[in-house]
C-alpha cells in the first residue's frame, strides 16, 4: 500500500507594494525615525561646534572639582571643600526630602478634604469645598511667596518666639522641635525600616488569609505594634545612648533640637496646601464612582458609615483614585523645583549655582532633567505596580 504524503501549501510570499497599507506604514516610520535622528545629530554637532569656537569645555569632569560654596541645609555632611558632585547629591536629597514628606502630608490632608466634602454636615461640606476651590485656583508660586512672607515677616524673632507646645518654638527662623540624638539612632532607624518591611509582608499574608477564610486580620493594630516594638528592640540590642535634644535659646537663635528652616517650611506648606486641594477632588470623585448600592448593602448588615467607608467604599474607590493620584504625586515632585524662588537649596538651586561658577550650562540642565526624570519614572513605576495589584481580576 502506497502512502501519499500531503505537504501543507506554502504561504504566499509577501510582495512589497506601495498600495499595501502595512508597507506604507513601515516606510513612514523609517522616514520619521531618520528625520528625528538627523535632527538630533545636527543639533548636537552644531552645539559642540559653537562651544568649541568659544573655548567652552564640555563633559562632566567638573563634578570632581572643589565646589567652594556653602549649602544652608543638608541631610549629609557637606562643606565648601567638597566636590560639585557631592553638592548635586545634597541638592537631590533636599528635593527628595520635601517631596516625600509633601506626598505623605498631601495624601492624608487631601483624603480628609475629599471625605469632608461628601459629609452630610452642611458646614463641613461647604468649608471643604471652599478650601479646595480657593487653593487650587491660586498659582503655587504666589502661595509660596505668601507662606515665606508669613514666616519671615509676620512671625516674631527668636527671643519672642511662639511656643504652642512645650519645647516647640515658632519664629521667623523657622520651626524648632525636640529630637533624639545618640549612638543608637542608626539602630533605631534600621529597626524602623525592618518594621516597615515586616508590615508589608504581614499585609500580604493578611490579604491572602482573608481571601481564603474571610476573616479580617487587625492589620492596623499589628502595624502600630511593629512600628513601636521593633525600633525599641533595636535600641535595646545596640546598647547605645539615646537622649532627647531640646531646643534652647542661646544668644540670638535656638540651639539643639530639629530645625525646619523658613525656606523648607514655606515650601512644604505651599506644596501640601496646593496639592491637597487636587487630591481632595480625586478622592471625592473616586468615592462617588462607587455604586450607591454598596452603601445600602453595608448599612443593611449593620456597618456604621465610618466602617463602611473604610472597609467597603475606599477599597473599591482606590481603583479609580490611583491613576489621577499618580499625576498629583508627579506634579508635587516637579513643582518642588519652584523652591529656587524662596531660596531653598534643592537640586535646581544647587545646580544653578554650579553652572554659574563653571559655565557648564548644558551639563547642568542635563543633570536637573535626569534627576527629575529618574524620580518621576520611579514614582510612576511604583504606582503602576500598585494599581495592577488592586485591579479587579476577571475569573
Protein backbone atom coordinates (compact mmCIF):
# COMPACT_ATOMS: atom_id res chain seq x y z
CA UNK A 1 0.00 0.00 0.00
CA UNK A 2 1.49 3.25 -1.09
CA UNK A 3 1.32 6.13 1.33
CA UNK A 4 0.77 9.53 -0.13
CA UNK A 5 2.48 12.38 1.66
CA UNK A 6 0.49 15.61 1.65
CA UNK A 7 2.53 18.73 2.07
CA UNK A 8 0.97 21.82 3.54
CA UNK A 9 0.63 24.58 0.96
CA UNK A 10 3.24 27.26 1.25
CA UNK A 11 2.15 30.67 2.38
CA UNK A 12 2.32 33.12 -0.47
CA UNK A 13 5.42 35.29 -0.43
CA UNK A 14 4.75 38.80 0.72
CA UNK A 15 5.08 41.28 -2.10
CA UNK A 16 6.17 44.80 -1.22
CA UNK A 17 3.77 47.21 -2.78
CA UNK A 18 3.09 50.88 -2.19
CA UNK A 19 -0.63 50.02 -2.30
CA UNK A 20 -0.18 47.83 0.80
CA UNK A 21 -1.07 49.86 3.96
CA UNK A 22 1.42 47.87 6.06
CA UNK A 23 4.23 48.70 3.63
CA UNK A 24 3.38 52.40 3.64
CA UNK A 25 3.20 52.45 7.45
CA UNK A 26 6.65 50.85 7.71
CA UNK A 27 8.17 53.31 5.24
CA UNK A 28 6.63 56.28 7.06
CA UNK A 29 8.07 55.08 10.38
CA UNK A 30 11.55 54.60 8.91
CA UNK A 31 11.47 58.07 7.32
CA UNK A 32 10.29 59.73 10.55
CA UNK A 33 12.95 57.97 12.63
CA UNK A 34 15.58 59.01 10.10
CA UNK A 35 14.46 62.65 10.24
CA UNK A 36 14.49 62.61 14.06
CA UNK A 37 17.98 61.07 14.10
CA UNK A 38 19.18 63.67 11.57
CA UNK A 39 17.75 66.50 13.67
CA UNK A 40 19.40 65.21 16.86
CA UNK A 41 22.73 64.83 15.05
CA UNK A 42 22.52 68.35 13.62
CA UNK A 43 21.67 69.96 16.97
CA UNK A 44 24.38 68.03 18.81
CA UNK A 45 27.12 68.73 16.27
CA UNK A 46 26.12 72.39 15.96
CA UNK A 47 26.15 72.83 19.76
CA UNK A 48 29.56 71.16 20.12
CA UNK A 49 30.96 73.30 17.27
CA UNK A 50 29.73 76.55 18.87
CA UNK A 51 31.09 75.56 22.28
CA UNK A 52 34.48 74.71 20.78
CA UNK A 53 34.53 78.03 18.90
CA UNK A 54 34.08 79.86 22.22
CA UNK A 55 36.65 77.69 24.04
CA UNK A 56 33.98 76.27 26.38
CA UNK A 57 34.85 72.78 27.53
CA UNK A 58 32.24 70.03 27.58
CA UNK A 59 31.78 66.96 29.71
CA UNK A 60 31.17 66.20 33.37
CA UNK A 61 34.75 66.31 34.64
CA UNK A 62 33.91 69.48 36.57
CA UNK A 63 31.91 67.37 39.04
CA UNK A 64 35.22 66.27 40.61
CA UNK A 65 36.36 69.86 41.25
CA UNK A 66 36.01 71.68 44.57
CA UNK A 67 32.62 73.38 44.94
CA UNK A 68 33.73 76.34 47.05
CA UNK A 69 30.23 77.38 48.18
CA UNK A 70 28.13 76.55 51.22
CA UNK A 71 24.67 74.98 51.29
CA UNK A 72 22.32 76.10 54.03
CA UNK A 73 20.59 72.72 54.54
CA UNK A 74 21.98 69.25 54.07
CA UNK A 75 20.89 65.76 55.07
CA UNK A 76 24.52 64.56 54.82
CA UNK A 77 27.83 66.08 55.80
CA UNK A 78 28.86 68.82 53.40
CA UNK A 79 31.41 71.62 53.34
CA UNK A 80 32.62 74.06 50.64
CA UNK A 81 35.72 71.89 50.26
CA UNK A 82 33.61 69.03 48.84
CA UNK A 83 33.17 68.45 45.12
CA UNK A 84 30.47 69.71 42.80
CA UNK A 85 29.23 66.13 42.51
CA UNK A 86 28.71 65.96 46.27
CA UNK A 87 26.83 69.27 46.13
CA UNK A 88 24.49 67.82 43.48
CA UNK A 89 23.78 64.85 45.77
CA UNK A 90 22.96 67.26 48.63
CA UNK A 91 20.52 69.15 46.39
CA UNK A 92 18.89 65.92 45.21
CA UNK A 93 18.44 64.68 48.78
CA UNK A 94 16.85 68.00 49.74
CA UNK A 95 14.44 67.64 46.82
CA UNK A 96 13.58 64.07 47.81
CA UNK A 97 13.06 65.09 51.44
CA UNK A 98 10.48 67.78 50.70
CA UNK A 99 8.84 65.62 48.00
CA UNK A 100 8.41 62.53 50.18
CA UNK A 101 7.10 64.48 53.18
CA UNK A 102 4.88 66.53 50.88
CA UNK A 103 3.38 63.46 49.18
CA UNK A 104 2.54 61.84 52.52
CA UNK A 105 1.07 65.03 54.03
CA UNK A 106 -0.89 65.95 50.88
CA UNK A 107 -2.32 62.42 50.68
CA UNK A 108 -3.53 62.45 54.29
CA UNK A 109 -4.88 66.01 54.21
CA UNK A 110 -6.36 65.63 50.73
CA UNK A 111 -8.14 62.39 51.67
CA UNK A 112 -9.64 64.14 54.68
CA UNK A 113 -10.78 67.00 52.43
CA UNK A 114 -12.36 64.63 49.91
CA UNK A 115 -14.27 62.76 52.61
CA UNK A 116 -15.29 66.01 54.31
CA UNK A 117 -16.69 67.39 51.07
CA UNK A 118 -19.11 64.43 50.97
CA UNK A 119 -20.07 64.89 54.61
CA UNK A 120 -23.76 65.22 55.50
CA UNK A 121 -22.81 68.13 57.74
CA UNK A 122 -23.59 71.24 55.68
CA UNK A 123 -20.90 73.44 57.28
CA UNK A 124 -18.06 70.88 56.94
CA UNK A 125 -19.01 70.14 53.34
CA UNK A 126 -19.12 73.80 52.32
CA UNK A 127 -15.90 74.73 54.10
CA UNK A 128 -14.08 71.83 52.44
CA UNK A 129 -15.42 72.85 49.04
CA UNK A 130 -14.43 76.48 49.62
CA UNK A 131 -10.89 75.49 50.61
CA UNK A 132 -10.49 73.31 47.52
CA UNK A 133 -11.78 75.94 45.11
CA UNK A 134 -9.62 78.70 46.60
CA UNK A 135 -6.36 76.77 46.91
CA UNK A 136 -6.34 75.11 43.52
CA UNK A 137 -7.10 78.38 41.71
CA UNK A 138 -4.27 80.42 43.27
CA UNK A 139 -0.90 79.88 41.50
CA UNK A 140 1.52 77.83 43.57
CA UNK A 141 4.30 80.41 43.21
CA UNK A 142 2.11 83.06 44.86
CA UNK A 143 1.29 80.65 47.67
CA UNK A 144 4.99 80.01 48.26
CA UNK A 145 5.62 83.76 48.50
CA UNK A 146 2.71 84.08 50.93
CA UNK A 147 3.95 81.35 53.28
CA UNK A 148 7.53 82.60 53.13
CA UNK A 149 6.47 86.18 53.92
CA UNK A 150 4.21 84.93 56.71
CA UNK A 151 7.08 83.08 58.38
CA UNK A 152 9.89 85.59 57.86
CA UNK A 153 7.97 88.88 58.19
CA UNK A 154 4.98 88.19 60.43
CA UNK A 155 6.39 85.68 62.90
CA UNK A 156 8.30 87.11 65.90
CA UNK A 157 12.05 86.81 66.39
CA UNK A 158 13.67 84.00 68.39
CA UNK A 159 13.55 85.93 71.68
CA UNK A 160 9.78 86.40 71.34
CA UNK A 161 9.15 83.02 69.67
CA UNK A 162 5.72 81.45 69.93
CA UNK A 163 5.54 78.26 71.98
CA UNK A 164 2.37 76.32 71.07
CA UNK A 165 3.64 73.18 72.83
CA UNK A 166 6.38 72.52 75.41
CA UNK A 167 9.83 72.79 73.78
CA UNK A 168 8.25 73.64 70.40
CA UNK A 169 9.12 77.12 69.11
CA UNK A 170 7.87 79.05 66.08
CA UNK A 171 9.73 82.17 64.96
CA UNK A 172 10.98 83.90 61.85
CA UNK A 173 13.89 81.45 61.92
CA UNK A 174 11.53 78.54 61.28
CA UNK A 175 10.23 75.76 63.50
CA UNK A 176 12.19 74.17 66.32
CA UNK A 177 11.06 70.88 67.84
CA UNK A 178 12.71 68.35 70.19
CA UNK A 179 14.56 65.47 68.55
CA UNK A 180 16.65 62.50 69.50
CA UNK A 181 20.41 62.20 69.49
CA UNK A 182 22.82 59.46 70.47
CA UNK A 183 24.77 56.47 69.23
CA UNK A 184 21.65 54.30 68.90
CA UNK A 185 19.94 56.42 66.25
CA UNK A 186 21.25 54.34 63.35
CA UNK A 187 19.98 51.17 65.01
CA UNK A 188 16.58 52.75 65.63
CA UNK A 189 16.22 53.85 62.02
CA UNK A 190 17.29 50.38 60.92
CA UNK A 191 14.65 48.87 63.18
CA UNK A 192 12.06 51.23 61.73
CA UNK A 193 12.98 50.15 58.18
CA UNK A 194 12.74 46.49 59.23
CA UNK A 195 9.33 47.15 60.79
CA UNK A 196 8.06 48.64 57.51
CA UNK A 197 9.25 45.56 55.60
CA UNK A 198 7.52 43.29 58.13
CA UNK A 199 4.31 45.30 57.81
CA UNK A 200 4.34 44.88 54.02
CA UNK A 201 4.84 41.12 54.38
CA UNK A 202 2.16 40.95 57.07
CA UNK A 203 -0.30 42.85 54.87
CA UNK A 204 0.33 40.38 52.04
CA UNK A 205 -0.28 37.44 54.38
CA UNK A 206 -3.40 39.06 55.86
CA UNK A 207 -4.85 39.61 52.41
CA UNK A 208 -4.29 36.00 51.37
CA UNK A 209 -5.76 34.83 54.69
CA UNK A 210 -8.86 36.95 54.20
CA UNK A 211 -9.33 35.65 50.64
CA UNK A 212 -9.07 32.07 51.89
CA UNK A 213 -11.09 32.26 55.13
CA UNK A 214 -12.99 35.54 55.03
CA UNK A 215 -11.53 36.56 58.41
CA UNK A 216 -10.24 40.11 58.77
CA UNK A 217 -6.84 40.44 60.41
CA UNK A 218 -6.36 43.55 62.63
CA UNK A 219 -3.55 44.88 60.46
CA UNK A 220 -3.69 48.43 61.82
CA UNK A 221 -3.01 47.43 65.42
CA UNK A 222 -0.37 44.92 64.38
CA UNK A 223 1.40 47.52 62.23
CA UNK A 224 1.36 50.05 65.07
CA UNK A 225 2.81 47.43 67.40
CA UNK A 226 5.61 46.59 64.97
CA UNK A 227 6.46 50.27 64.47
CA UNK A 228 6.93 50.59 68.23
CA UNK A 229 8.36 47.22 69.27
CA UNK A 230 10.97 46.65 66.52
CA UNK A 231 12.78 50.02 66.95
CA UNK A 232 12.70 49.56 70.75
CA UNK A 233 14.27 46.11 70.39
CA UNK A 234 16.89 47.54 68.02
CA UNK A 235 17.73 50.21 70.58
CA UNK A 236 18.00 47.60 73.35
CA UNK A 237 20.25 45.35 71.24
CA UNK A 238 22.54 48.23 70.24
CA UNK A 239 23.32 49.17 73.82
CA UNK A 240 23.95 52.73 72.64
CA UNK A 241 22.91 56.02 74.17
CA UNK A 242 19.78 57.96 73.33
CA UNK A 243 18.54 61.23 74.71
CA UNK A 244 16.10 63.97 73.80
CA UNK A 245 17.74 67.05 72.34
CA UNK A 246 15.58 70.02 73.29
CA UNK A 247 15.94 73.39 71.56
CA UNK A 248 17.21 76.19 73.79
CA UNK A 249 17.57 79.91 73.14
CA UNK A 250 21.25 80.85 73.18
CA UNK A 251 22.14 84.33 72.06
CA UNK A 252 20.09 85.37 69.05
CA UNK A 253 18.92 81.92 67.94
CA UNK A 254 17.95 78.47 69.15
CA UNK A 255 20.45 75.67 69.56
CA UNK A 256 19.67 71.96 69.60
CA UNK A 257 16.59 70.08 68.52
CA UNK A 258 15.37 69.62 64.97
CA UNK A 259 15.26 72.75 62.87
CA UNK A 260 12.88 73.32 59.97
CA UNK A 261 14.12 76.42 58.18
CA UNK A 262 11.75 79.12 56.88
CA UNK A 263 12.53 78.08 53.30
CA UNK A 264 11.77 74.40 53.90
CA UNK A 265 8.66 75.18 55.96
CA UNK A 266 7.26 77.61 53.37
CA UNK A 267 7.94 75.21 50.50
CA UNK A 268 6.36 72.27 52.33
CA UNK A 269 3.29 74.27 53.40
CA UNK A 270 2.81 75.60 49.87
CA UNK A 271 3.13 72.20 48.20
CA UNK A 272 0.83 70.49 50.70
CA UNK A 273 -1.94 73.11 50.74
CA UNK A 274 -1.90 73.38 46.93
CA UNK A 275 -1.69 69.69 46.05
CA UNK A 276 -4.12 68.55 48.77
CA UNK A 277 -6.89 70.52 47.04
CA UNK A 278 -6.44 68.41 43.89
CA UNK A 279 -6.08 65.22 45.93
CA UNK A 280 -9.35 66.02 47.70
CA UNK A 281 -11.17 66.22 44.36
CA UNK A 282 -9.60 62.94 43.24
CA UNK A 283 -10.74 61.19 46.43
CA UNK A 284 -14.23 62.70 46.20
CA UNK A 285 -14.69 61.56 42.60
CA UNK A 286 -13.36 58.10 43.44
CA UNK A 287 -15.83 57.67 46.31
CA UNK A 288 -18.74 58.89 44.19
CA UNK A 289 -17.78 56.40 41.46
CA UNK A 290 -18.74 53.53 43.79
CA UNK A 291 -22.35 52.43 43.33
CA UNK A 292 -24.79 53.72 45.93
CA UNK A 293 -25.96 50.16 46.44
CA UNK A 294 -22.68 49.41 48.22
CA UNK A 295 -23.57 51.93 50.93
CA UNK A 296 -27.05 50.46 51.26
CA UNK A 297 -25.80 46.88 51.41
CA UNK A 298 -23.25 47.72 54.10
CA UNK A 299 -25.87 49.60 56.09
CA UNK A 300 -28.26 46.65 55.88
CA UNK A 301 -25.78 44.38 57.70
CA UNK A 302 -25.24 46.92 60.47
CA UNK A 303 -21.98 48.60 59.46
CA UNK A 304 -21.55 52.19 60.58
CA UNK A 305 -20.86 54.88 57.99
CA UNK A 306 -17.20 55.10 59.07
CA UNK A 307 -16.65 51.32 58.84
CA UNK A 308 -18.49 51.23 55.53
CA UNK A 309 -16.21 53.91 54.16
CA UNK A 310 -13.06 52.17 55.41
CA UNK A 311 -13.92 48.53 54.63
CA UNK A 312 -16.24 48.73 51.62
CA UNK A 313 -16.13 52.04 49.77
CA UNK A 314 -12.48 53.14 49.84
CA UNK A 315 -11.06 49.73 48.73
CA UNK A 316 -13.31 49.91 45.65
CA UNK A 317 -12.68 53.61 45.09
CA UNK A 318 -8.91 53.04 45.05
CA UNK A 319 -9.18 51.62 41.54
CA UNK A 320 -10.49 54.97 40.37
CA UNK A 321 -8.29 57.09 42.64
CA UNK A 322 -4.83 55.66 41.92
CA UNK A 323 -4.29 56.77 38.26
CA UNK A 324 -5.07 60.50 38.82
CA UNK A 325 -3.34 60.36 42.21
CA UNK A 326 -0.16 59.33 40.40
CA UNK A 327 -0.34 62.51 38.35
CA UNK A 328 -0.69 64.59 41.53
CA UNK A 329 2.38 62.94 43.08
CA UNK A 330 4.35 63.70 39.93
CA UNK A 331 3.10 67.29 39.92
CA UNK A 332 4.13 67.80 43.55
CA UNK A 333 7.60 66.42 42.89
CA UNK A 334 8.15 68.61 39.84
CA UNK A 335 6.58 71.66 41.49
CA UNK A 336 9.25 71.42 44.18
CA UNK A 337 11.58 73.00 41.61
CA UNK A 338 9.91 76.32 42.49
CA UNK A 339 11.95 76.16 45.70
CA UNK A 340 14.58 78.31 43.99
CA UNK A 341 12.16 81.26 44.23
CA UNK A 342 12.33 81.29 48.05
CA UNK A 343 15.92 80.16 48.47
CA UNK A 344 15.51 76.50 49.44
CA UNK A 345 18.63 74.60 48.26
CA UNK A 346 17.01 71.91 46.13
CA UNK A 347 18.71 70.36 43.13
CA UNK A 348 17.65 73.23 40.84
CA UNK A 349 19.10 75.92 43.12
CA UNK A 350 22.33 73.98 43.76
CA UNK A 351 22.84 73.14 40.08
CA UNK A 352 22.18 76.76 39.08
CA UNK A 353 24.97 77.84 41.42
CA UNK A 354 27.27 75.22 39.91
CA UNK A 355 26.63 76.21 36.30
CA UNK A 356 27.09 79.90 37.17
CA UNK A 357 30.53 79.11 38.61
CA UNK A 358 31.66 76.64 35.95
CA UNK A 359 29.84 77.84 32.84
CA UNK A 360 28.68 74.24 32.17
CA UNK A 361 25.11 75.29 31.40
CA UNK A 362 24.19 72.37 29.16
CA UNK A 363 25.58 69.78 31.54
CA UNK A 364 23.80 71.47 34.46
CA UNK A 365 20.45 71.40 32.68
CA UNK A 366 21.02 67.74 31.77
CA UNK A 367 21.69 66.90 35.44
CA UNK A 368 18.42 68.56 36.51
CA UNK A 369 16.45 66.86 33.74
CA UNK A 370 17.96 63.45 34.51
CA UNK A 371 17.26 63.80 38.25
CA UNK A 372 13.59 64.67 37.79
CA UNK A 373 13.21 62.04 35.08
CA UNK A 374 14.56 59.27 37.32
CA UNK A 375 12.45 60.35 40.31
CA UNK A 376 9.28 60.72 38.22
CA UNK A 377 9.75 57.37 36.48
CA UNK A 378 10.32 55.71 39.86
CA UNK A 379 7.04 57.13 41.17
CA UNK A 380 5.21 56.06 38.01
CA UNK A 381 6.60 52.52 38.11
CA UNK A 382 5.64 52.07 41.77
CA UNK A 383 2.14 53.49 41.34
CA UNK A 384 1.50 51.44 38.19
CA UNK A 385 2.61 48.32 40.05
CA UNK A 386 0.26 49.13 42.92
CA UNK A 387 -2.57 49.91 40.51
CA UNK A 388 -2.21 46.46 38.92
CA UNK A 389 -2.26 44.80 42.34
CA UNK A 390 -5.60 46.33 43.30
CA UNK A 391 -7.20 45.95 39.86
CA UNK A 392 -10.25 43.74 39.52
CA UNK A 393 -9.40 40.28 38.24
CA UNK A 394 -11.95 38.62 35.99
CA UNK A 395 -12.48 34.97 36.77
